[in-house]
Amino acid sequence: MIILGLTGSIGMGKTTTAGLFADEGCPVFNADKAVHQLYSKGGKAVPLIKAVFPDAVKDGAIDRGILGGHMRADPLDLKVLESFIHPWVEELRQKFFAQAKEDNADIVVLDIPLLFETGGDKKVDVTVTVSAPFEVQRNRVMARPGMTEELFEMLLGRQMSDEEKRSRSDFVLSTGESIPETRKQVQDLVRKLRAKET
């Protein structure tokens, strides 16, 4: 089973591309969705966060906007939170791998925004970065609700540059054109990886 690490900066089309891999029969583990599960009603992280930031819990679930405000106010809080969240995400990832093995999946995709920043690239067989021209990226991100220039700059500042991600990747998928064009690139890559497997 090939473990493929999929990454890309904000607004580069990573989520869409992950969906295209899923269309090709590659199970996808989404780190953000795993965190969302931990933050939702009944999630493992809710009691912990409620103890530290009671205002960040609304109707039994974490309000990510309020929590994000606390994290921006004190980056040290983010480190502490991550020390709890990461092992729980890993637990969900292991369950995902077990299910994929049971289903005889030949390629699994780990959708990890900070793949290189967290050293996750050392735990995968193949790294893939999705990339688009800066103007395309900027337009996509600025179209998001509540996005400001300042927030966009801050989010970019927390991520490795697109150029460095591309230089460190085994494969780069261009997402600046149309979805059918990206789909073709995904299909070509999946075909290439499956040919290596057999």
N, C-alpha and C. Protein backbone atom coordinates (compact mmCIF):
# COMPACT_ATOMS: atom_id res chain seq x y z
N MET A 1 0.84 -1.19 0.00
CA MET A 1 0.00 0.00 0.00
C MET A 1 0.88 1.25 0.00
N ILE A 2 0.67 2.11 -0.98
CA ILE A 2 1.44 3.36 -1.07
C ILE A 2 0.74 4.43 -0.24
N ILE A 3 1.52 5.08 0.63
CA ILE A 3 0.97 6.20 1.42
C ILE A 3 1.42 7.49 0.75
N LEU A 4 0.44 8.25 0.28
CA LEU A 4 0.71 9.49 -0.45
C LEU A 4 0.35 10.67 0.45
N GLY A 5 1.32 11.56 0.66
CA GLY A 5 1.08 12.77 1.45
C GLY A 5 0.74 13.91 0.51
N LEU A 6 -0.48 14.44 0.65
CA LEU A 6 -0.95 15.52 -0.22
C LEU A 6 -0.93 16.84 0.56
N THR A 7 -0.28 17.84 -0.01
CA THR A 7 -0.23 19.13 0.68
C THR A 7 -0.35 20.27 -0.31
N GLY A 8 -0.38 21.47 0.22
CA GLY A 8 -0.51 22.66 -0.61
C GLY A 8 -0.94 23.81 0.28
N SER A 9 -0.51 25.00 -0.07
CA SER A 9 -0.85 26.17 0.74
C SER A 9 -2.33 26.49 0.61
N ILE A 10 -2.79 27.39 1.48
CA ILE A 10 -4.19 27.79 1.50
C ILE A 10 -4.63 28.29 0.11
N GLY A 11 -5.81 27.86 -0.32
CA GLY A 11 -6.36 28.33 -1.59
C GLY A 11 -5.77 27.69 -2.84
N MET A 12 -4.97 26.64 -2.66
CA MET A 12 -4.34 25.99 -3.81
C MET A 12 -5.20 24.87 -4.41
N GLY A 13 -6.31 24.54 -3.78
CA GLY A 13 -7.19 23.51 -4.34
C GLY A 13 -6.93 22.11 -3.82
N LYS A 14 -6.35 22.03 -2.63
CA LYS A 14 -5.99 20.72 -2.07
C LYS A 14 -7.22 19.85 -1.78
N THR A 15 -8.26 20.46 -1.20
CA THR A 15 -9.46 19.70 -0.85
C THR A 15 -10.12 19.14 -2.11
N THR A 16 -10.20 19.97 -3.14
CA THR A 16 -10.78 19.52 -4.42
C THR A 16 -9.95 18.38 -4.99
N THR A 17 -8.62 18.53 -4.94
CA THR A 17 -7.73 17.50 -5.48
C THR A 17 -7.84 16.20 -4.69
N ALA A 18 -7.98 16.31 -3.36
CA ALA A 18 -8.18 15.11 -2.53
C ALA A 18 -9.43 14.36 -2.98
N GLY A 19 -10.46 15.11 -3.30
CA GLY A 19 -11.71 14.50 -3.80
C GLY A 19 -11.50 13.77 -5.12
N LEU A 20 -10.60 14.29 -5.95
CA LEU A 20 -10.31 13.65 -7.24
C LEU A 20 -9.56 12.34 -7.03
N PHE A 21 -8.69 12.29 -6.01
CA PHE A 21 -8.02 11.03 -5.67
C PHE A 21 -9.06 10.01 -5.17
N ALA A 22 -9.99 10.48 -4.37
CA ALA A 22 -11.06 9.59 -3.86
C ALA A 22 -11.86 9.02 -5.03
N ASP A 23 -12.11 9.86 -6.05
CA ASP A 23 -12.84 9.40 -7.24
C ASP A 23 -12.11 8.26 -7.96
N GLU A 24 -10.77 8.22 -7.79
CA GLU A 24 -9.96 7.17 -8.42
C GLU A 24 -9.82 5.94 -7.51
N GLY A 25 -10.58 5.91 -6.44
CA GLY A 25 -10.57 4.74 -5.54
C GLY A 25 -9.47 4.77 -4.49
N CYS A 26 -8.92 5.96 -4.23
CA CYS A 26 -7.88 6.09 -3.19
C CYS A 26 -8.53 6.67 -1.93
N PRO A 27 -8.61 5.91 -0.83
CA PRO A 27 -9.17 6.45 0.40
C PRO A 27 -8.36 7.66 0.87
N VAL A 28 -9.06 8.68 1.37
CA VAL A 28 -8.41 9.92 1.80
C VAL A 28 -8.63 10.14 3.29
N PHE A 29 -7.52 10.42 4.00
CA PHE A 29 -7.62 10.81 5.41
C PHE A 29 -7.35 12.30 5.47
N ASN A 30 -8.34 13.06 5.97
CA ASN A 30 -8.23 14.50 6.03
C ASN A 30 -7.95 14.92 7.47
N ALA A 31 -6.76 15.47 7.72
CA ALA A 31 -6.36 15.85 9.08
C ALA A 31 -7.31 16.91 9.67
N ASP A 32 -7.73 17.87 8.84
CA ASP A 32 -8.65 18.91 9.32
C ASP A 32 -10.00 18.33 9.73
N LYS A 33 -10.48 17.35 8.94
CA LYS A 33 -11.77 16.71 9.28
C LYS A 33 -11.65 15.93 10.57
N ALA A 34 -10.49 15.33 10.79
CA ALA A 34 -10.25 14.58 12.04
C ALA A 34 -10.32 15.53 13.23
N VAL A 35 -9.71 16.71 13.08
CA VAL A 35 -9.75 17.72 14.15
C VAL A 35 -11.19 18.17 14.36
N HIS A 36 -11.92 18.36 13.25
CA HIS A 36 -13.33 18.77 13.33
C HIS A 36 -14.13 17.76 14.14
N GLN A 37 -13.84 16.49 13.90
CA GLN A 37 -14.51 15.40 14.64
C GLN A 37 -14.21 15.52 16.15
N LEU A 38 -12.96 15.82 16.48
CA LEU A 38 -12.55 15.97 17.88
C LEU A 38 -13.20 17.19 18.53
N TYR A 39 -13.48 18.22 17.71
CA TYR A 39 -14.06 19.47 18.21
C TYR A 39 -15.59 19.46 18.23
N SER A 40 -16.20 18.49 17.56
CA SER A 40 -17.67 18.50 17.47
C SER A 40 -18.29 17.97 18.76
N LYS A 41 -19.61 18.08 18.84
CA LYS A 41 -20.34 17.66 20.05
C LYS A 41 -19.99 16.21 20.40
N GLY A 42 -19.56 15.99 21.64
CA GLY A 42 -19.18 14.64 22.06
C GLY A 42 -17.75 14.28 21.70
N GLY A 43 -17.03 15.22 21.04
CA GLY A 43 -15.65 14.96 20.62
C GLY A 43 -14.70 14.97 21.81
N LYS A 44 -13.62 14.22 21.66
CA LYS A 44 -12.63 14.07 22.73
C LYS A 44 -12.02 15.38 23.23
N ALA A 45 -11.88 16.34 22.33
CA ALA A 45 -11.19 17.59 22.69
C ALA A 45 -12.08 18.58 23.45
N VAL A 46 -13.39 18.39 23.40
CA VAL A 46 -14.31 19.38 23.98
C VAL A 46 -14.08 19.60 25.48
N PRO A 47 -14.04 18.53 26.31
CA PRO A 47 -13.84 18.77 27.76
C PRO A 47 -12.51 19.47 28.07
N LEU A 48 -11.47 19.08 27.34
CA LEU A 48 -10.14 19.67 27.56
C LEU A 48 -10.16 21.17 27.27
N ILE A 49 -10.72 21.54 26.12
CA ILE A 49 -10.74 22.95 25.72
C ILE A 49 -11.69 23.75 26.61
N LYS A 50 -12.78 23.12 27.02
CA LYS A 50 -13.74 23.80 27.90
C LYS A 50 -13.07 24.17 29.24
N ALA A 51 -12.16 23.32 29.70
CA ALA A 51 -11.48 23.57 30.98
C ALA A 51 -10.54 24.78 30.89
N VAL A 52 -9.98 25.00 29.70
CA VAL A 52 -9.01 26.09 29.54
C VAL A 52 -9.66 27.36 28.96
N PHE A 53 -10.50 27.16 27.95
CA PHE A 53 -11.17 28.31 27.30
C PHE A 53 -12.69 28.06 27.29
N PRO A 54 -13.37 28.23 28.43
CA PRO A 54 -14.80 27.92 28.49
C PRO A 54 -15.64 28.66 27.46
N ASP A 55 -15.20 29.89 27.09
CA ASP A 55 -15.99 30.67 26.11
C ASP A 55 -15.92 30.09 24.70
N ALA A 56 -14.95 29.18 24.46
CA ALA A 56 -14.79 28.61 23.11
C ALA A 56 -15.75 27.44 22.87
N VAL A 57 -16.52 27.06 23.89
CA VAL A 57 -17.47 25.95 23.72
C VAL A 57 -18.88 26.51 23.63
N LYS A 58 -19.53 26.20 22.50
CA LYS A 58 -20.92 26.64 22.28
C LYS A 58 -21.77 25.41 21.94
N ASP A 59 -22.84 25.21 22.70
CA ASP A 59 -23.75 24.06 22.47
C ASP A 59 -23.00 22.73 22.43
N GLY A 60 -22.01 22.60 23.31
CA GLY A 60 -21.31 21.32 23.44
C GLY A 60 -20.24 21.06 22.39
N ALA A 61 -20.00 22.03 21.50
CA ALA A 61 -18.96 21.87 20.46
C ALA A 61 -18.02 23.07 20.51
N ILE A 62 -16.83 22.91 19.93
CA ILE A 62 -15.85 23.99 19.92
C ILE A 62 -16.19 24.99 18.82
N ASP A 63 -16.21 26.26 19.18
CA ASP A 63 -16.35 27.34 18.20
C ASP A 63 -14.93 27.66 17.72
N ARG A 64 -14.61 27.24 16.50
CA ARG A 64 -13.23 27.37 16.01
C ARG A 64 -12.80 28.83 15.85
N GLY A 65 -13.76 29.71 15.61
CA GLY A 65 -13.45 31.13 15.48
C GLY A 65 -12.94 31.69 16.80
N ILE A 66 -13.65 31.38 17.89
CA ILE A 66 -13.25 31.87 19.21
C ILE A 66 -11.94 31.23 19.64
N LEU A 67 -11.83 29.92 19.41
CA LEU A 67 -10.60 29.21 19.78
C LEU A 67 -9.42 29.80 19.00
N GLY A 68 -9.63 30.05 17.71
CA GLY A 68 -8.58 30.63 16.86
C GLY A 68 -8.10 31.97 17.40
N GLY A 69 -9.04 32.77 17.93
CA GLY A 69 -8.69 34.06 18.53
C GLY A 69 -7.74 33.88 19.70
N HIS A 70 -8.02 32.88 20.54
CA HIS A 70 -7.12 32.60 21.68
C HIS A 70 -5.74 32.17 21.18
N MET A 71 -5.72 31.33 20.14
CA MET A 71 -4.44 30.82 19.62
C MET A 71 -3.59 31.94 19.03
N ARG A 72 -4.27 32.90 18.34
CA ARG A 72 -3.53 34.03 17.76
C ARG A 72 -3.01 34.96 18.85
N ALA A 73 -3.78 35.07 19.93
CA ALA A 73 -3.38 35.96 21.03
C ALA A 73 -2.13 35.44 21.74
N ASP A 74 -2.03 34.11 21.85
CA ASP A 74 -0.87 33.53 22.54
C ASP A 74 -0.44 32.25 21.82
N PRO A 75 0.56 32.36 20.93
CA PRO A 75 1.01 31.18 20.16
C PRO A 75 1.43 30.00 21.03
N LEU A 76 1.82 30.27 22.27
CA LEU A 76 2.21 29.18 23.16
C LEU A 76 1.00 28.27 23.44
N ASP A 77 -0.18 28.87 23.51
CA ASP A 77 -1.41 28.09 23.71
C ASP A 77 -1.60 27.09 22.57
N LEU A 78 -1.23 27.52 21.37
CA LEU A 78 -1.36 26.64 20.19
C LEU A 78 -0.47 25.41 20.35
N LYS A 79 0.76 25.63 20.82
CA LYS A 79 1.69 24.50 21.04
C LYS A 79 1.12 23.52 22.05
N VAL A 80 0.56 24.05 23.14
CA VAL A 80 -0.01 23.19 24.19
C VAL A 80 -1.20 22.41 23.63
N LEU A 81 -2.07 23.10 22.90
CA LEU A 81 -3.25 22.45 22.32
C LEU A 81 -2.82 21.33 21.36
N GLU A 82 -1.84 21.64 20.50
CA GLU A 82 -1.37 20.64 19.53
C GLU A 82 -0.81 19.41 20.21
N SER A 83 -0.18 19.59 21.38
CA SER A 83 0.41 18.43 22.09
C SER A 83 -0.67 17.44 22.52
N PHE A 84 -1.90 17.92 22.70
CA PHE A 84 -3.02 17.03 23.02
C PHE A 84 -3.71 16.50 21.76
N ILE A 85 -3.91 17.41 20.81
CA ILE A 85 -4.69 17.07 19.61
C ILE A 85 -3.96 16.07 18.70
N HIS A 86 -2.64 16.26 18.50
CA HIS A 86 -1.90 15.41 17.56
C HIS A 86 -2.00 13.91 17.87
N PRO A 87 -1.85 13.48 19.14
CA PRO A 87 -1.98 12.04 19.40
C PRO A 87 -3.38 11.50 19.09
N TRP A 88 -4.40 12.34 19.30
CA TRP A 88 -5.78 11.89 18.99
C TRP A 88 -6.00 11.79 17.48
N VAL A 89 -5.40 12.72 16.74
CA VAL A 89 -5.49 12.67 15.27
C VAL A 89 -4.77 11.41 14.78
N GLU A 90 -3.63 11.11 15.39
CA GLU A 90 -2.86 9.92 15.02
C GLU A 90 -3.67 8.64 15.26
N GLU A 91 -4.41 8.62 16.35
CA GLU A 91 -5.28 7.48 16.68
C GLU A 91 -6.32 7.26 15.57
N LEU A 92 -6.93 8.37 15.11
CA LEU A 92 -7.92 8.29 14.03
C LEU A 92 -7.26 7.86 12.72
N ARG A 93 -6.01 8.31 12.52
CA ARG A 93 -5.27 7.93 11.30
C ARG A 93 -4.99 6.43 11.28
N GLN A 94 -4.61 5.88 12.43
CA GLN A 94 -4.34 4.44 12.50
C GLN A 94 -5.59 3.62 12.21
N LYS A 95 -6.74 4.10 12.69
CA LYS A 95 -8.02 3.42 12.38
C LYS A 95 -8.28 3.46 10.88
N PHE A 96 -7.97 4.61 10.27
CA PHE A 96 -8.14 4.78 8.82
C PHE A 96 -7.26 3.78 8.07
N PHE A 97 -5.98 3.66 8.48
CA PHE A 97 -5.07 2.71 7.83
C PHE A 97 -5.59 1.28 7.95
N ALA A 98 -6.06 0.92 9.12
CA ALA A 98 -6.57 -0.45 9.36
C ALA A 98 -7.73 -0.74 8.42
N GLN A 99 -8.63 0.25 8.27
CA GLN A 99 -9.80 0.08 7.38
C GLN A 99 -9.35 -0.04 5.92
N ALA A 100 -8.37 0.79 5.53
CA ALA A 100 -7.87 0.79 4.15
C ALA A 100 -7.24 -0.57 3.82
N LYS A 101 -6.49 -1.14 4.79
CA LYS A 101 -5.87 -2.46 4.58
C LYS A 101 -6.94 -3.52 4.40
N GLU A 102 -7.96 -3.41 5.25
CA GLU A 102 -9.07 -4.38 5.19
C GLU A 102 -9.76 -4.30 3.82
N ASP A 103 -9.84 -3.09 3.28
CA ASP A 103 -10.50 -2.87 1.98
C ASP A 103 -9.55 -3.11 0.79
N ASN A 104 -8.32 -3.57 1.08
CA ASN A 104 -7.31 -3.82 0.05
C ASN A 104 -6.98 -2.60 -0.80
N ALA A 105 -6.93 -1.43 -0.19
CA ALA A 105 -6.59 -0.21 -0.94
C ALA A 105 -5.12 -0.27 -1.33
N ASP A 106 -4.80 0.10 -2.59
CA ASP A 106 -3.40 0.07 -3.03
C ASP A 106 -2.71 1.41 -2.82
N ILE A 107 -3.51 2.51 -2.79
CA ILE A 107 -2.97 3.85 -2.53
C ILE A 107 -3.89 4.54 -1.53
N VAL A 108 -3.31 5.10 -0.47
CA VAL A 108 -4.10 5.92 0.44
C VAL A 108 -3.51 7.33 0.44
N VAL A 109 -4.38 8.31 0.61
CA VAL A 109 -3.96 9.70 0.57
C VAL A 109 -4.14 10.33 1.95
N LEU A 110 -3.05 10.94 2.45
CA LEU A 110 -3.14 11.71 3.69
C LEU A 110 -3.14 13.18 3.29
N ASP A 111 -4.27 13.84 3.51
CA ASP A 111 -4.44 15.25 3.17
C ASP A 111 -3.96 16.06 4.38
N ILE A 112 -2.72 16.59 4.29
CA ILE A 112 -2.10 17.26 5.45
C ILE A 112 -1.60 18.64 5.03
N PRO A 113 -2.29 19.70 5.48
CA PRO A 113 -1.88 21.06 5.08
C PRO A 113 -0.42 21.37 5.43
N LEU A 114 0.04 20.98 6.62
CA LEU A 114 1.40 21.30 7.06
C LEU A 114 2.30 20.05 7.00
N LEU A 115 2.26 19.37 5.87
CA LEU A 115 2.99 18.11 5.71
C LEU A 115 4.48 18.27 5.98
N PHE A 116 5.11 19.23 5.31
CA PHE A 116 6.56 19.42 5.47
C PHE A 116 6.89 20.12 6.79
N GLU A 117 6.03 21.09 7.17
CA GLU A 117 6.28 21.86 8.39
C GLU A 117 6.32 20.97 9.63
N THR A 118 5.52 19.89 9.63
CA THR A 118 5.43 19.01 10.81
C THR A 118 6.28 17.75 10.68
N GLY A 119 7.05 17.64 9.57
CA GLY A 119 7.88 16.44 9.37
C GLY A 119 7.07 15.23 8.91
N GLY A 120 5.82 15.47 8.52
CA GLY A 120 4.95 14.37 8.07
C GLY A 120 5.42 13.71 6.79
N ASP A 121 6.27 14.45 6.02
CA ASP A 121 6.77 13.89 4.76
C ASP A 121 7.64 12.66 4.99
N LYS A 122 8.20 12.54 6.22
CA LYS A 122 9.06 11.38 6.53
C LYS A 122 8.22 10.12 6.79
N LYS A 123 6.91 10.29 6.96
CA LYS A 123 6.05 9.16 7.29
C LYS A 123 5.22 8.68 6.09
N VAL A 124 5.51 9.24 4.92
CA VAL A 124 4.76 8.84 3.72
C VAL A 124 5.73 8.33 2.66
N ASP A 125 5.19 7.63 1.66
CA ASP A 125 6.04 7.08 0.59
C ASP A 125 6.25 8.07 -0.55
N VAL A 126 5.23 8.90 -0.79
CA VAL A 126 5.25 9.83 -1.91
C VAL A 126 4.68 11.17 -1.44
N THR A 127 5.32 12.28 -1.83
CA THR A 127 4.77 13.59 -1.48
C THR A 127 4.27 14.30 -2.74
N VAL A 128 3.09 14.91 -2.61
CA VAL A 128 2.47 15.62 -3.74
C VAL A 128 2.01 16.99 -3.26
N THR A 129 2.43 18.03 -3.98
CA THR A 129 1.99 19.39 -3.65
C THR A 129 1.07 19.89 -4.75
N VAL A 130 -0.05 20.49 -4.34
CA VAL A 130 -0.92 21.16 -5.32
C VAL A 130 -0.52 22.63 -5.34
N SER A 131 -0.46 23.19 -6.53
CA SER A 131 0.05 24.55 -6.68
C SER A 131 -0.69 25.29 -7.79
N ALA A 132 -0.87 26.59 -7.56
CA ALA A 132 -1.50 27.45 -8.57
C ALA A 132 -0.78 28.80 -8.53
N PRO A 133 -0.89 29.60 -9.58
CA PRO A 133 -0.26 30.93 -9.55
C PRO A 133 -0.78 31.76 -8.37
N PHE A 134 0.07 32.66 -7.86
CA PHE A 134 -0.28 33.43 -6.66
C PHE A 134 -1.60 34.18 -6.81
N GLU A 135 -1.83 34.78 -7.98
CA GLU A 135 -3.07 35.56 -8.17
C GLU A 135 -4.32 34.68 -8.05
N VAL A 136 -4.21 33.45 -8.58
CA VAL A 136 -5.33 32.50 -8.48
C VAL A 136 -5.56 32.15 -7.02
N GLN A 137 -4.46 31.86 -6.32
CA GLN A 137 -4.54 31.53 -4.89
C GLN A 137 -5.19 32.68 -4.12
N ARG A 138 -4.70 33.89 -4.34
CA ARG A 138 -5.18 35.06 -3.62
C ARG A 138 -6.68 35.27 -3.87
N ASN A 139 -7.10 35.18 -5.12
CA ASN A 139 -8.52 35.39 -5.45
C ASN A 139 -9.41 34.35 -4.78
N ARG A 140 -8.94 33.09 -4.76
CA ARG A 140 -9.72 32.03 -4.11
C ARG A 140 -9.88 32.29 -2.62
N VAL A 141 -8.77 32.66 -1.98
CA VAL A 141 -8.80 32.86 -0.52
C VAL A 141 -9.61 34.10 -0.16
N MET A 142 -9.43 35.18 -0.91
CA MET A 142 -10.15 36.43 -0.59
C MET A 142 -11.65 36.30 -0.81
N ALA A 143 -12.07 35.28 -1.58
CA ALA A 143 -13.51 35.06 -1.82
C ALA A 143 -14.17 34.34 -0.63
N ARG A 144 -13.35 33.85 0.32
CA ARG A 144 -13.91 33.13 1.46
C ARG A 144 -14.58 34.10 2.44
N PRO A 145 -15.69 33.67 3.08
CA PRO A 145 -16.38 34.55 4.02
C PRO A 145 -15.46 34.95 5.18
N GLY A 146 -15.48 36.24 5.51
CA GLY A 146 -14.73 36.74 6.67
C GLY A 146 -13.24 36.90 6.43
N MET A 147 -12.77 36.66 5.20
CA MET A 147 -11.33 36.76 4.93
C MET A 147 -10.93 38.22 4.75
N THR A 148 -9.78 38.57 5.31
CA THR A 148 -9.22 39.92 5.14
C THR A 148 -7.79 39.77 4.64
N GLU A 149 -7.25 40.87 4.11
CA GLU A 149 -5.86 40.86 3.63
C GLU A 149 -4.92 40.47 4.78
N GLU A 150 -5.19 41.02 5.96
CA GLU A 150 -4.35 40.79 7.13
C GLU A 150 -4.35 39.30 7.51
N LEU A 151 -5.54 38.71 7.52
CA LEU A 151 -5.67 37.29 7.88
C LEU A 151 -4.99 36.42 6.82
N PHE A 152 -5.17 36.78 5.56
CA PHE A 152 -4.53 36.04 4.47
C PHE A 152 -3.01 36.06 4.62
N GLU A 153 -2.46 37.25 4.90
CA GLU A 153 -1.01 37.38 5.09
C GLU A 153 -0.54 36.54 6.29
N MET A 154 -1.33 36.54 7.37
CA MET A 154 -0.96 35.78 8.56
C MET A 154 -0.95 34.28 8.27
N LEU A 155 -1.98 33.82 7.54
CA LEU A 155 -2.07 32.39 7.21
C LEU A 155 -0.91 31.98 6.30
N LEU A 156 -0.57 32.83 5.34
CA LEU A 156 0.56 32.54 4.46
C LEU A 156 1.86 32.48 5.26
N GLY A 157 1.99 33.38 6.22
CA GLY A 157 3.20 33.45 7.05
C GLY A 157 3.42 32.22 7.90
N ARG A 158 2.33 31.50 8.21
CA ARG A 158 2.45 30.31 9.04
C ARG A 158 2.79 29.06 8.22
N GLN A 159 2.74 29.20 6.89
CA GLN A 159 2.98 28.04 6.03
C GLN A 159 4.31 28.20 5.28
N MET A 160 4.90 27.07 4.96
CA MET A 160 6.09 27.07 4.12
C MET A 160 5.71 27.65 2.75
N SER A 161 6.63 28.32 2.10
CA SER A 161 6.29 28.92 0.80
C SER A 161 5.94 27.85 -0.23
N ASP A 162 5.11 28.25 -1.18
CA ASP A 162 4.69 27.34 -2.25
C ASP A 162 5.93 26.83 -3.01
N GLU A 163 6.87 27.73 -3.25
CA GLU A 163 8.09 27.38 -3.99
C GLU A 163 8.87 26.27 -3.27
N GLU A 164 9.01 26.41 -1.95
CA GLU A 164 9.76 25.40 -1.20
C GLU A 164 9.00 24.07 -1.18
N LYS A 165 7.68 24.13 -1.00
CA LYS A 165 6.89 22.89 -1.01
C LYS A 165 7.08 22.15 -2.33
N ARG A 166 7.02 22.92 -3.42
CA ARG A 166 7.18 22.29 -4.74
C ARG A 166 8.55 21.66 -4.88
N SER A 167 9.59 22.36 -4.38
CA SER A 167 10.96 21.84 -4.54
C SER A 167 11.18 20.58 -3.70
N ARG A 168 10.42 20.42 -2.62
CA ARG A 168 10.60 19.26 -1.74
C ARG A 168 9.69 18.09 -2.10
N SER A 169 8.79 18.29 -3.07
CA SER A 169 7.81 17.25 -3.40
C SER A 169 8.29 16.29 -4.48
N ASP A 170 7.77 15.07 -4.42
CA ASP A 170 8.06 14.10 -5.49
C ASP A 170 7.27 14.46 -6.75
N PHE A 171 6.05 14.98 -6.55
CA PHE A 171 5.19 15.36 -7.68
C PHE A 171 4.50 16.67 -7.36
N VAL A 172 4.26 17.47 -8.41
CA VAL A 172 3.51 18.72 -8.26
C VAL A 172 2.33 18.66 -9.22
N LEU A 173 1.13 18.95 -8.68
CA LEU A 173 -0.07 18.99 -9.52
C LEU A 173 -0.49 20.45 -9.66
N SER A 174 -0.68 20.88 -10.90
CA SER A 174 -1.08 22.26 -11.15
C SER A 174 -2.60 22.38 -11.07
N THR A 175 -3.07 23.28 -10.21
CA THR A 175 -4.52 23.42 -10.02
C THR A 175 -5.01 24.80 -10.46
N GLY A 176 -4.20 25.48 -11.26
CA GLY A 176 -4.56 26.83 -11.68
C GLY A 176 -5.51 26.87 -12.86
N GLU A 177 -5.66 25.73 -13.54
CA GLU A 177 -6.56 25.68 -14.71
C GLU A 177 -7.95 25.21 -14.28
N SER A 178 -8.51 24.28 -15.01
CA SER A 178 -9.86 23.79 -14.69
C SER A 178 -9.78 22.49 -13.88
N ILE A 179 -10.92 22.11 -13.28
CA ILE A 179 -10.97 20.86 -12.52
C ILE A 179 -10.72 19.66 -13.45
N PRO A 180 -11.31 19.61 -14.66
CA PRO A 180 -11.00 18.48 -15.56
C PRO A 180 -9.50 18.33 -15.84
N GLU A 181 -8.80 19.46 -15.94
CA GLU A 181 -7.35 19.43 -16.19
C GLU A 181 -6.62 18.83 -14.98
N THR A 182 -7.05 19.22 -13.77
CA THR A 182 -6.44 18.67 -12.55
C THR A 182 -6.77 17.19 -12.44
N ARG A 183 -8.02 16.82 -12.79
CA ARG A 183 -8.43 15.40 -12.73
C ARG A 183 -7.53 14.55 -13.62
N LYS A 184 -7.21 15.06 -14.79
CA LYS A 184 -6.35 14.31 -15.71
C LYS A 184 -4.97 14.08 -15.08
N GLN A 185 -4.43 15.11 -14.42
CA GLN A 185 -3.12 14.97 -13.76
C GLN A 185 -3.19 13.93 -12.64
N VAL A 186 -4.29 13.94 -11.88
CA VAL A 186 -4.48 12.97 -10.78
C VAL A 186 -4.55 11.56 -11.36
N GLN A 187 -5.34 11.40 -12.43
CA GLN A 187 -5.47 10.07 -13.05
C GLN A 187 -4.13 9.56 -13.56
N ASP A 188 -3.35 10.45 -14.19
CA ASP A 188 -2.02 10.06 -14.70
C ASP A 188 -1.11 9.61 -13.56
N LEU A 189 -1.15 10.36 -12.46
CA LEU A 189 -0.29 10.04 -11.31
C LEU A 189 -0.71 8.71 -10.68
N VAL A 190 -2.00 8.52 -10.50
CA VAL A 190 -2.50 7.27 -9.90
C VAL A 190 -2.10 6.09 -10.78
N ARG A 191 -2.22 6.26 -12.09
CA ARG A 191 -1.85 5.19 -13.04
C ARG A 191 -0.35 4.85 -12.88
N LYS A 192 0.47 5.90 -12.79
CA LYS A 192 1.92 5.74 -12.66
C LYS A 192 2.26 4.99 -11.36
N LEU A 193 1.62 5.40 -10.25
CA LEU A 193 1.90 4.77 -8.95
C LEU A 193 1.41 3.32 -8.91
N ARG A 194 0.26 3.08 -9.52
CA ARG A 194 -0.26 1.70 -9.55
C ARG A 194 0.63 0.79 -10.41
N ALA A 195 1.20 1.35 -11.45
CA ALA A 195 2.10 0.56 -12.30
C ALA A 195 3.36 0.17 -11.52
N LYS A 196 3.82 1.07 -10.64
CA LYS A 196 4.98 0.78 -9.80
C LYS A 196 4.67 -0.32 -8.79
N GLU A 197 3.42 -0.30 -8.30
CA GLU A 197 3.01 -1.26 -7.26
C GLU A 197 2.97 -2.70 -7.77
N THR A 198 2.60 -2.85 -9.04
CA THR A 198 2.41 -4.22 -9.58
C THR A 198 3.72 -4.83 -10.06
